[in-house]
Amino acid sequence: MRAALRTLLALILGMTLTGVTPVLAQNAPPRIVIGPGVIEPMPIAIPTFIDEGGAGEYAREIGRVVQSDLEGTGFFRTIGEEAYISRITGFDSPVAFEDWKAINAQVLITGAVSVSGDRITVKFRAYDVFNGQVMEGAALQFAGTTQGWRRMAHKVADVVYSKITGEGGYFDSRVVFVSES
């Protein structure tokens, strides 16, 4: 009987010590690893700007420059026109925001270009697709000579960039950037 009692006490003591040891052990301090951040570019839609009279090539090129400027920042990713559900048929036509939401466009930039002689007018709007409205201060018009069409495109990109990021635009600057490939 004494042997059985000793065995039972040894078992209880062994189980108690085994259960207490992990509780008394100190854990190593947590290790925190900070890696490089990941910025997911904002999906934007820039349909071809509307030709409102004699501006065919200018309308296409201005939209391309705006797209190139914004994509070049790394903050934006342009959704290809093949993904568009609805089309912008006129500058003042109503916008089907649900169609733009369906392709995950967060910003929609529409524009129209008109040419009369050597004068060109570029107007545009930047829409917050999820709120279904024009971004404050992002519905403007620029006018000048046809020789300055590229500068107007950069100004459009400047306005859109600054409204979304809160930083000043730099596309219309005279600074040249060089990178190695």
N, C-alpha and C. Protein backbone atom coordinates (compact mmCIF):
# COMPACT_ATOMS: atom_id res chain seq x y z
N MET A 1 0.81 -1.17 0.00
CA MET A 1 0.00 0.00 0.00
C MET A 1 0.87 1.25 0.00
N ARG A 2 1.96 1.17 0.81
CA ARG A 2 2.88 2.31 0.83
C ARG A 2 3.50 2.52 -0.54
N ALA A 3 3.79 1.46 -1.22
CA ALA A 3 4.39 1.57 -2.54
C ALA A 3 3.41 2.23 -3.51
N ALA A 4 2.15 1.88 -3.39
CA ALA A 4 1.13 2.48 -4.26
C ALA A 4 0.98 3.96 -3.95
N LEU A 5 1.02 4.33 -2.66
CA LEU A 5 0.90 5.73 -2.25
C LEU A 5 2.10 6.53 -2.74
N ARG A 6 3.29 5.93 -2.63
CA ARG A 6 4.50 6.60 -3.12
C ARG A 6 4.43 6.82 -4.63
N THR A 7 3.97 5.83 -5.35
CA THR A 7 3.85 5.94 -6.80
C THR A 7 2.86 7.03 -7.16
N LEU A 8 1.74 7.08 -6.43
CA LEU A 8 0.73 8.10 -6.69
C LEU A 8 1.28 9.49 -6.41
N LEU A 9 1.98 9.67 -5.31
CA LEU A 9 2.59 10.97 -4.97
C LEU A 9 3.64 11.36 -6.01
N ALA A 10 4.42 10.40 -6.46
CA ALA A 10 5.44 10.68 -7.47
C ALA A 10 4.78 11.12 -8.77
N LEU A 11 3.68 10.45 -9.12
CA LEU A 11 2.94 10.83 -10.32
C LEU A 11 2.38 12.24 -10.20
N ILE A 12 1.75 12.56 -9.09
CA ILE A 12 1.17 13.89 -8.88
C ILE A 12 2.27 14.94 -8.91
N LEU A 13 3.37 14.68 -8.22
CA LEU A 13 4.50 15.62 -8.21
C LEU A 13 5.07 15.80 -9.61
N GLY A 14 5.21 14.73 -10.35
CA GLY A 14 5.74 14.79 -11.72
C GLY A 14 4.82 15.59 -12.64
N MET A 15 3.52 15.37 -12.53
CA MET A 15 2.57 16.10 -13.38
C MET A 15 2.54 17.58 -13.01
N THR A 16 2.64 17.87 -11.74
CA THR A 16 2.63 19.26 -11.30
C THR A 16 3.86 19.98 -11.81
N LEU A 17 5.02 19.38 -11.66
CA LEU A 17 6.26 20.02 -12.11
C LEU A 17 6.29 20.17 -13.63
N THR A 18 5.78 19.18 -14.33
CA THR A 18 5.76 19.27 -15.78
C THR A 18 4.84 20.38 -16.25
N GLY A 19 3.75 20.59 -15.59
CA GLY A 19 2.80 21.64 -15.97
C GLY A 19 3.28 23.02 -15.57
N VAL A 20 4.07 23.13 -14.52
CA VAL A 20 4.52 24.43 -14.03
C VAL A 20 5.72 24.93 -14.83
N THR A 21 6.55 24.06 -15.28
CA THR A 21 7.78 24.46 -15.96
C THR A 21 7.51 25.37 -17.16
N PRO A 22 6.59 25.04 -18.07
CA PRO A 22 6.34 25.94 -19.20
C PRO A 22 5.80 27.29 -18.75
N VAL A 23 5.04 27.30 -17.66
CA VAL A 23 4.49 28.57 -17.18
C VAL A 23 5.61 29.46 -16.66
N LEU A 24 6.60 28.86 -16.02
CA LEU A 24 7.70 29.64 -15.44
C LEU A 24 8.74 30.04 -16.48
N ALA A 25 8.77 29.37 -17.60
CA ALA A 25 9.76 29.68 -18.63
C ALA A 25 9.48 31.06 -19.23
N GLN A 26 10.53 31.81 -19.50
CA GLN A 26 10.37 33.14 -20.11
C GLN A 26 10.42 33.00 -21.62
N ASN A 27 9.49 33.67 -22.26
CA ASN A 27 9.48 33.68 -23.72
C ASN A 27 10.46 34.72 -24.22
N ALA A 28 11.01 34.47 -25.39
CA ALA A 28 11.90 35.45 -26.01
C ALA A 28 11.06 36.66 -26.42
N PRO A 29 11.66 37.84 -26.45
CA PRO A 29 10.89 39.02 -26.86
C PRO A 29 10.40 38.85 -28.30
N PRO A 30 9.24 39.42 -28.61
CA PRO A 30 8.73 39.27 -29.98
C PRO A 30 9.66 39.91 -30.99
N ARG A 31 9.74 39.30 -32.14
CA ARG A 31 10.61 39.82 -33.20
C ARG A 31 9.72 40.46 -34.26
N ILE A 32 9.95 41.73 -34.52
CA ILE A 32 9.16 42.47 -35.50
C ILE A 32 10.04 42.74 -36.71
N VAL A 33 9.55 42.35 -37.87
CA VAL A 33 10.28 42.56 -39.11
C VAL A 33 9.49 43.55 -39.96
N ILE A 34 10.13 44.65 -40.28
CA ILE A 34 9.50 45.65 -41.14
C ILE A 34 10.11 45.53 -42.52
N GLY A 35 9.27 45.19 -43.47
CA GLY A 35 9.73 45.01 -44.85
C GLY A 35 9.33 46.21 -45.70
N PRO A 36 9.64 46.13 -46.97
CA PRO A 36 9.28 47.23 -47.85
C PRO A 36 7.76 47.33 -47.99
N GLY A 37 7.25 48.55 -48.06
CA GLY A 37 5.82 48.77 -48.23
C GLY A 37 5.37 48.40 -49.63
N VAL A 38 4.12 48.10 -49.75
CA VAL A 38 3.56 47.76 -51.05
C VAL A 38 2.47 48.78 -51.36
N ILE A 39 2.65 49.48 -52.45
CA ILE A 39 1.65 50.44 -52.89
C ILE A 39 0.93 49.84 -54.08
N GLU A 40 -0.35 49.69 -53.93
CA GLU A 40 -1.17 49.16 -55.01
C GLU A 40 -1.67 50.36 -55.82
N PRO A 41 -1.32 50.45 -57.10
CA PRO A 41 -1.75 51.60 -57.90
C PRO A 41 -3.27 51.70 -57.97
N MET A 42 -3.76 52.94 -57.96
CA MET A 42 -5.19 53.21 -58.03
C MET A 42 -5.69 53.00 -59.46
N PRO A 43 -6.71 52.16 -59.64
CA PRO A 43 -7.24 51.96 -60.99
C PRO A 43 -8.06 53.16 -61.45
N ILE A 44 -7.69 53.71 -62.61
CA ILE A 44 -8.39 54.86 -63.17
C ILE A 44 -8.79 54.56 -64.61
N ALA A 45 -9.84 55.23 -65.07
CA ALA A 45 -10.30 55.07 -66.45
C ALA A 45 -10.18 56.42 -67.15
N ILE A 46 -9.55 56.42 -68.31
CA ILE A 46 -9.41 57.64 -69.11
C ILE A 46 -9.86 57.32 -70.53
N PRO A 47 -11.18 57.40 -70.78
CA PRO A 47 -11.65 57.17 -72.15
C PRO A 47 -11.08 58.23 -73.09
N THR A 48 -11.01 57.91 -74.38
CA THR A 48 -10.54 58.87 -75.37
C THR A 48 -11.34 60.16 -75.25
N PHE A 49 -10.65 61.29 -75.22
CA PHE A 49 -11.34 62.57 -75.10
C PHE A 49 -12.23 62.77 -76.32
N ILE A 50 -13.34 63.46 -76.13
CA ILE A 50 -14.33 63.70 -77.18
C ILE A 50 -13.82 64.78 -78.14
N ASP A 51 -13.99 64.52 -79.42
CA ASP A 51 -13.66 65.50 -80.46
C ASP A 51 -14.89 66.38 -80.65
N GLU A 52 -14.79 67.64 -80.24
CA GLU A 52 -15.92 68.56 -80.37
C GLU A 52 -15.77 69.48 -81.57
N GLY A 53 -15.01 69.08 -82.53
CA GLY A 53 -14.88 69.87 -83.74
C GLY A 53 -13.44 70.03 -84.18
N GLY A 54 -13.04 69.23 -85.16
CA GLY A 54 -11.73 69.35 -85.76
C GLY A 54 -10.55 68.97 -84.89
N ALA A 55 -10.79 68.24 -83.83
CA ALA A 55 -9.71 67.96 -82.88
C ALA A 55 -9.35 66.49 -82.79
N GLY A 56 -9.72 65.69 -83.78
CA GLY A 56 -9.54 64.24 -83.73
C GLY A 56 -8.22 63.76 -83.15
N GLU A 57 -7.12 64.08 -83.79
CA GLU A 57 -5.81 63.61 -83.34
C GLU A 57 -5.43 64.26 -82.01
N TYR A 58 -5.75 65.53 -81.83
CA TYR A 58 -5.44 66.19 -80.56
C TYR A 58 -6.19 65.51 -79.41
N ALA A 59 -7.45 65.18 -79.62
CA ALA A 59 -8.24 64.53 -78.56
C ALA A 59 -7.61 63.21 -78.15
N ARG A 60 -7.18 62.41 -79.12
CA ARG A 60 -6.53 61.13 -78.81
C ARG A 60 -5.20 61.33 -78.09
N GLU A 61 -4.38 62.24 -78.60
CA GLU A 61 -3.04 62.44 -78.04
C GLU A 61 -3.08 63.06 -76.64
N ILE A 62 -3.98 63.98 -76.40
CA ILE A 62 -4.07 64.60 -75.07
C ILE A 62 -4.42 63.53 -74.03
N GLY A 63 -5.38 62.67 -74.35
CA GLY A 63 -5.72 61.58 -73.43
C GLY A 63 -4.54 60.65 -73.18
N ARG A 64 -3.75 60.38 -74.22
CA ARG A 64 -2.57 59.51 -74.07
C ARG A 64 -1.51 60.15 -73.17
N VAL A 65 -1.31 61.46 -73.32
CA VAL A 65 -0.31 62.14 -72.48
C VAL A 65 -0.76 62.14 -71.02
N VAL A 66 -2.03 62.42 -70.77
CA VAL A 66 -2.55 62.40 -69.40
C VAL A 66 -2.35 61.00 -68.80
N GLN A 67 -2.69 59.98 -69.56
CA GLN A 67 -2.51 58.60 -69.10
C GLN A 67 -1.04 58.31 -68.80
N SER A 68 -0.16 58.67 -69.69
CA SER A 68 1.27 58.42 -69.51
C SER A 68 1.81 59.14 -68.27
N ASP A 69 1.41 60.40 -68.11
CA ASP A 69 1.86 61.17 -66.94
C ASP A 69 1.45 60.48 -65.65
N LEU A 70 0.18 60.13 -65.54
CA LEU A 70 -0.33 59.55 -64.30
C LEU A 70 0.23 58.16 -64.04
N GLU A 71 0.32 57.33 -65.06
CA GLU A 71 0.90 55.99 -64.88
C GLU A 71 2.37 56.07 -64.48
N GLY A 72 3.07 57.06 -64.99
CA GLY A 72 4.49 57.21 -64.71
C GLY A 72 4.80 57.47 -63.24
N THR A 73 3.81 57.89 -62.47
CA THR A 73 4.04 58.14 -61.05
C THR A 73 4.08 56.86 -60.24
N GLY A 74 3.49 55.80 -60.77
CA GLY A 74 3.40 54.55 -60.01
C GLY A 74 2.21 54.50 -59.08
N PHE A 75 1.49 55.62 -58.93
CA PHE A 75 0.32 55.67 -58.05
C PHE A 75 -0.96 55.25 -58.77
N PHE A 76 -0.92 55.22 -60.10
CA PHE A 76 -2.13 54.96 -60.88
C PHE A 76 -1.91 53.84 -61.88
N ARG A 77 -2.99 53.10 -62.15
CA ARG A 77 -2.99 52.06 -63.16
C ARG A 77 -4.21 52.30 -64.04
N THR A 78 -3.97 52.52 -65.32
CA THR A 78 -5.07 52.80 -66.23
C THR A 78 -5.75 51.50 -66.66
N ILE A 79 -7.06 51.50 -66.60
CA ILE A 79 -7.85 50.36 -67.05
C ILE A 79 -8.01 50.50 -68.57
N GLY A 80 -7.70 49.45 -69.29
CA GLY A 80 -7.78 49.47 -70.75
C GLY A 80 -9.21 49.67 -71.25
N GLU A 81 -9.35 50.35 -72.38
CA GLU A 81 -10.67 50.65 -72.93
C GLU A 81 -11.46 49.39 -73.29
N GLU A 82 -10.77 48.28 -73.53
CA GLU A 82 -11.48 47.04 -73.86
C GLU A 82 -12.31 46.54 -72.67
N ALA A 83 -12.01 47.01 -71.46
CA ALA A 83 -12.75 46.59 -70.27
C ALA A 83 -13.98 47.47 -70.01
N TYR A 84 -14.09 48.60 -70.70
CA TYR A 84 -15.18 49.53 -70.44
C TYR A 84 -16.52 48.90 -70.80
N ILE A 85 -17.48 49.06 -69.92
CA ILE A 85 -18.84 48.57 -70.16
C ILE A 85 -19.64 49.63 -70.91
N SER A 86 -19.53 50.88 -70.46
CA SER A 86 -20.23 51.96 -71.15
C SER A 86 -19.22 52.90 -71.79
N ARG A 87 -19.69 53.67 -72.71
CA ARG A 87 -18.84 54.61 -73.45
C ARG A 87 -19.25 56.04 -73.13
N ILE A 88 -18.29 56.93 -73.16
CA ILE A 88 -18.57 58.35 -73.00
C ILE A 88 -18.80 58.89 -74.41
N THR A 89 -20.03 59.29 -74.69
CA THR A 89 -20.36 59.73 -76.05
C THR A 89 -20.39 61.24 -76.19
N GLY A 90 -20.46 61.95 -75.09
CA GLY A 90 -20.46 63.41 -75.12
C GLY A 90 -19.97 63.93 -73.79
N PHE A 91 -19.35 65.10 -73.81
CA PHE A 91 -18.77 65.64 -72.58
C PHE A 91 -19.83 65.86 -71.50
N ASP A 92 -21.03 66.29 -71.90
CA ASP A 92 -22.09 66.56 -70.93
C ASP A 92 -23.07 65.39 -70.77
N SER A 93 -22.77 64.26 -71.38
CA SER A 93 -23.64 63.09 -71.24
C SER A 93 -23.59 62.58 -69.80
N PRO A 94 -24.70 62.02 -69.30
CA PRO A 94 -24.68 61.47 -67.94
C PRO A 94 -23.71 60.28 -67.85
N VAL A 95 -23.13 60.13 -66.69
CA VAL A 95 -22.15 59.05 -66.46
C VAL A 95 -22.84 57.89 -65.75
N ALA A 96 -22.68 56.69 -66.27
CA ALA A 96 -23.23 55.47 -65.65
C ALA A 96 -22.21 54.96 -64.64
N PHE A 97 -22.25 55.50 -63.44
CA PHE A 97 -21.23 55.18 -62.43
C PHE A 97 -21.20 53.69 -62.08
N GLU A 98 -22.33 53.02 -62.12
CA GLU A 98 -22.36 51.58 -61.80
C GLU A 98 -21.49 50.79 -62.78
N ASP A 99 -21.47 51.21 -64.05
CA ASP A 99 -20.63 50.52 -65.04
C ASP A 99 -19.15 50.71 -64.73
N TRP A 100 -18.79 51.88 -64.25
CA TRP A 100 -17.38 52.15 -63.92
C TRP A 100 -16.99 51.47 -62.62
N LYS A 101 -17.93 51.36 -61.69
CA LYS A 101 -17.66 50.62 -60.45
C LYS A 101 -17.43 49.14 -60.76
N ALA A 102 -18.21 48.62 -61.72
CA ALA A 102 -18.13 47.20 -62.05
C ALA A 102 -16.74 46.80 -62.55
N ILE A 103 -16.02 47.74 -63.16
CA ILE A 103 -14.66 47.41 -63.63
C ILE A 103 -13.61 47.92 -62.64
N ASN A 104 -14.07 48.34 -61.45
CA ASN A 104 -13.21 48.76 -60.34
C ASN A 104 -12.46 50.06 -60.61
N ALA A 105 -13.00 50.92 -61.46
CA ALA A 105 -12.37 52.24 -61.66
C ALA A 105 -12.70 53.10 -60.45
N GLN A 106 -11.69 53.66 -59.83
CA GLN A 106 -11.93 54.55 -58.69
C GLN A 106 -12.05 55.99 -59.14
N VAL A 107 -11.40 56.31 -60.25
CA VAL A 107 -11.47 57.65 -60.82
C VAL A 107 -11.76 57.51 -62.31
N LEU A 108 -12.64 58.39 -62.81
CA LEU A 108 -12.95 58.46 -64.23
C LEU A 108 -12.61 59.86 -64.70
N ILE A 109 -11.78 59.95 -65.73
CA ILE A 109 -11.40 61.25 -66.28
C ILE A 109 -11.99 61.35 -67.68
N THR A 110 -12.89 62.31 -67.87
CA THR A 110 -13.47 62.55 -69.19
C THR A 110 -13.00 63.90 -69.69
N GLY A 111 -12.94 64.04 -70.99
CA GLY A 111 -12.49 65.30 -71.56
C GLY A 111 -13.03 65.52 -72.95
N ALA A 112 -12.93 66.76 -73.39
CA ALA A 112 -13.34 67.12 -74.74
C ALA A 112 -12.36 68.16 -75.26
N VAL A 113 -12.12 68.10 -76.57
CA VAL A 113 -11.17 69.00 -77.21
C VAL A 113 -11.84 69.60 -78.44
N SER A 114 -11.66 70.91 -78.61
CA SER A 114 -12.15 71.56 -79.84
C SER A 114 -11.04 72.43 -80.40
N VAL A 115 -11.01 72.52 -81.73
CA VAL A 115 -10.00 73.31 -82.42
C VAL A 115 -10.72 74.26 -83.38
N SER A 116 -10.26 75.50 -83.37
CA SER A 116 -10.77 76.51 -84.31
C SER A 116 -9.57 77.31 -84.79
N GLY A 117 -9.18 77.07 -86.03
CA GLY A 117 -7.97 77.72 -86.55
C GLY A 117 -6.76 77.18 -85.82
N ASP A 118 -5.98 78.09 -85.22
CA ASP A 118 -4.81 77.65 -84.45
C ASP A 118 -5.09 77.67 -82.95
N ARG A 119 -6.36 77.77 -82.57
CA ARG A 119 -6.75 77.79 -81.15
C ARG A 119 -7.31 76.42 -80.75
N ILE A 120 -6.96 76.00 -79.56
CA ILE A 120 -7.44 74.71 -79.04
C ILE A 120 -8.00 74.93 -77.64
N THR A 121 -9.08 74.25 -77.34
CA THR A 121 -9.69 74.30 -76.02
C THR A 121 -9.80 72.87 -75.50
N VAL A 122 -9.31 72.68 -74.28
CA VAL A 122 -9.36 71.36 -73.63
C VAL A 122 -10.15 71.52 -72.34
N LYS A 123 -11.20 70.73 -72.19
CA LYS A 123 -11.95 70.73 -70.93
C LYS A 123 -12.01 69.30 -70.42
N PHE A 124 -12.06 69.18 -69.11
CA PHE A 124 -12.05 67.83 -68.53
C PHE A 124 -12.77 67.83 -67.19
N ARG A 125 -13.13 66.64 -66.77
CA ARG A 125 -13.71 66.40 -65.44
C ARG A 125 -13.09 65.12 -64.88
N ALA A 126 -12.81 65.15 -63.60
CA ALA A 126 -12.34 63.94 -62.90
C ALA A 126 -13.42 63.57 -61.89
N TYR A 127 -13.94 62.36 -62.03
CA TYR A 127 -15.03 61.89 -61.18
C TYR A 127 -14.52 60.92 -60.13
N ASP A 128 -15.03 61.06 -58.92
CA ASP A 128 -14.86 60.04 -57.90
C ASP A 128 -15.98 59.03 -58.17
N VAL A 129 -15.63 57.89 -58.70
CA VAL A 129 -16.63 56.93 -59.16
C VAL A 129 -17.49 56.42 -58.02
N PHE A 130 -16.90 56.14 -56.86
CA PHE A 130 -17.66 55.55 -55.77
C PHE A 130 -18.60 56.55 -55.12
N ASN A 131 -18.26 57.84 -55.14
CA ASN A 131 -19.17 58.87 -54.64
C ASN A 131 -20.12 59.35 -55.72
N GLY A 132 -19.83 59.04 -56.97
CA GLY A 132 -20.70 59.42 -58.07
C GLY A 132 -20.76 60.91 -58.33
N GLN A 133 -19.63 61.59 -58.16
CA GLN A 133 -19.63 63.03 -58.40
C GLN A 133 -18.26 63.52 -58.86
N VAL A 134 -18.27 64.73 -59.43
CA VAL A 134 -17.03 65.34 -59.87
C VAL A 134 -16.21 65.72 -58.64
N MET A 135 -14.91 65.46 -58.69
CA MET A 135 -14.04 65.86 -57.58
C MET A 135 -13.99 67.38 -57.52
N GLU A 136 -14.00 67.91 -56.32
CA GLU A 136 -13.99 69.36 -56.15
C GLU A 136 -12.74 69.96 -56.81
N GLY A 137 -12.96 70.95 -57.66
CA GLY A 137 -11.85 71.62 -58.33
C GLY A 137 -11.25 70.84 -59.48
N ALA A 138 -11.90 69.76 -59.89
CA ALA A 138 -11.35 68.93 -60.97
C ALA A 138 -12.25 68.94 -62.19
N ALA A 139 -12.81 70.10 -62.50
CA ALA A 139 -13.60 70.29 -63.72
C ALA A 139 -13.16 71.64 -64.28
N LEU A 140 -12.19 71.60 -65.18
CA LEU A 140 -11.59 72.83 -65.67
C LEU A 140 -11.53 72.86 -67.19
N GLN A 141 -11.13 74.02 -67.69
CA GLN A 141 -10.97 74.21 -69.13
C GLN A 141 -9.70 75.02 -69.36
N PHE A 142 -8.92 74.60 -70.33
CA PHE A 142 -7.70 75.31 -70.72
C PHE A 142 -7.82 75.68 -72.19
N ALA A 143 -7.31 76.84 -72.55
CA ALA A 143 -7.35 77.27 -73.95
C ALA A 143 -5.98 77.83 -74.32
N GLY A 144 -5.62 77.66 -75.58
CA GLY A 144 -4.34 78.17 -76.06
C GLY A 144 -4.19 77.86 -77.53
N THR A 145 -2.95 77.90 -77.99
CA THR A 145 -2.70 77.58 -79.40
C THR A 145 -2.52 76.08 -79.55
N THR A 146 -2.71 75.61 -80.77
CA THR A 146 -2.55 74.17 -81.01
C THR A 146 -1.13 73.71 -80.74
N GLN A 147 -0.17 74.63 -80.80
CA GLN A 147 1.22 74.27 -80.49
C GLN A 147 1.39 73.90 -79.02
N GLY A 148 0.50 74.39 -78.16
CA GLY A 148 0.61 74.14 -76.72
C GLY A 148 -0.26 73.00 -76.22
N TRP A 149 -0.71 72.13 -77.12
CA TRP A 149 -1.62 71.06 -76.72
C TRP A 149 -1.00 70.13 -75.67
N ARG A 150 0.28 69.82 -75.81
CA ARG A 150 0.94 68.91 -74.87
C ARG A 150 1.00 69.53 -73.47
N ARG A 151 1.26 70.81 -73.41
CA ARG A 151 1.32 71.49 -72.12
C ARG A 151 -0.05 71.45 -71.44
N MET A 152 -1.12 71.60 -72.21
CA MET A 152 -2.46 71.52 -71.63
C MET A 152 -2.73 70.12 -71.09
N ALA A 153 -2.26 69.11 -71.79
CA ALA A 153 -2.42 67.73 -71.31
C ALA A 153 -1.70 67.55 -69.98
N HIS A 154 -0.50 68.10 -69.87
CA HIS A 154 0.25 68.02 -68.60
C HIS A 154 -0.50 68.75 -67.49
N LYS A 155 -1.15 69.87 -67.82
CA LYS A 155 -1.91 70.61 -66.80
C LYS A 155 -3.10 69.78 -66.31
N VAL A 156 -3.75 69.08 -67.22
CA VAL A 156 -4.85 68.19 -66.82
C VAL A 156 -4.31 67.15 -65.84
N ALA A 157 -3.20 66.52 -66.17
CA ALA A 157 -2.59 65.51 -65.29
C ALA A 157 -2.20 66.12 -63.95
N ASP A 158 -1.68 67.35 -63.97
CA ASP A 158 -1.32 68.04 -62.72
C ASP A 158 -2.53 68.19 -61.80
N VAL A 159 -3.65 68.64 -62.36
CA VAL A 159 -4.85 68.85 -61.54
C VAL A 159 -5.33 67.53 -60.96
N VAL A 160 -5.42 66.51 -61.77
CA VAL A 160 -5.89 65.20 -61.30
C VAL A 160 -4.95 64.67 -60.21
N TYR A 161 -3.66 64.72 -60.47
CA TYR A 161 -2.67 64.22 -59.52
C TYR A 161 -2.79 64.95 -58.17
N SER A 162 -2.88 66.27 -58.22
CA SER A 162 -2.93 67.03 -56.97
C SER A 162 -4.24 66.83 -56.22
N LYS A 163 -5.35 66.65 -56.93
CA LYS A 163 -6.63 66.41 -56.25
C LYS A 163 -6.65 65.06 -55.56
N ILE A 164 -6.01 64.08 -56.13
CA ILE A 164 -6.04 62.73 -55.55
C ILE A 164 -4.98 62.55 -54.47
N THR A 165 -3.76 63.04 -54.72
CA THR A 165 -2.67 62.80 -53.77
C THR A 165 -2.53 63.90 -52.72
N GLY A 166 -3.04 65.09 -53.02
CA GLY A 166 -2.87 66.21 -52.10
C GLY A 166 -1.53 66.90 -52.27
N GLU A 167 -0.72 66.44 -53.20
CA GLU A 167 0.58 67.05 -53.49
C GLU A 167 0.47 67.83 -54.79
N GLY A 168 1.35 68.80 -54.95
CA GLY A 168 1.35 69.59 -56.18
C GLY A 168 1.76 68.75 -57.37
N GLY A 169 1.15 69.05 -58.51
CA GLY A 169 1.51 68.35 -59.74
C GLY A 169 2.85 68.85 -60.26
N TYR A 170 3.50 68.05 -61.07
CA TYR A 170 4.81 68.43 -61.59
C TYR A 170 4.97 68.13 -63.07
N PHE A 171 3.91 67.71 -63.72
CA PHE A 171 4.01 67.32 -65.13
C PHE A 171 4.23 68.51 -66.05
N ASP A 172 3.73 69.68 -65.65
CA ASP A 172 3.87 70.88 -66.47
C ASP A 172 5.18 71.62 -66.16
N SER A 173 6.05 71.02 -65.37
CA SER A 173 7.32 71.68 -65.04
C SER A 173 8.30 71.51 -66.20
N ARG A 174 9.36 72.24 -66.13
CA ARG A 174 10.39 72.16 -67.18
C ARG A 174 11.57 71.29 -66.74
N VAL A 175 11.36 70.48 -65.71
CA VAL A 175 12.42 69.63 -65.20
C VAL A 175 12.48 68.35 -66.04
N VAL A 176 13.68 67.92 -66.36
CA VAL A 176 13.87 66.71 -67.15
C VAL A 176 14.34 65.60 -66.21
N PHE A 177 13.75 64.42 -66.33
CA PHE A 177 14.14 63.28 -65.52
C PHE A 177 14.86 62.27 -66.41
N VAL A 178 15.97 61.76 -65.90
CA VAL A 178 16.75 60.77 -66.64
C VAL A 178 16.84 59.53 -65.77
N SER A 179 16.63 58.37 -66.38
CA SER A 179 16.78 57.13 -65.63
C SER A 179 17.58 56.14 -66.47
N GLU A 180 18.26 55.26 -65.76
CA GLU A 180 19.02 54.21 -66.45
C GLU A 180 18.12 53.02 -66.64
N SER A 181 18.31 52.33 -67.76
CA SER A 181 17.48 51.14 -67.99
C SER A 181 18.32 49.90 -67.94
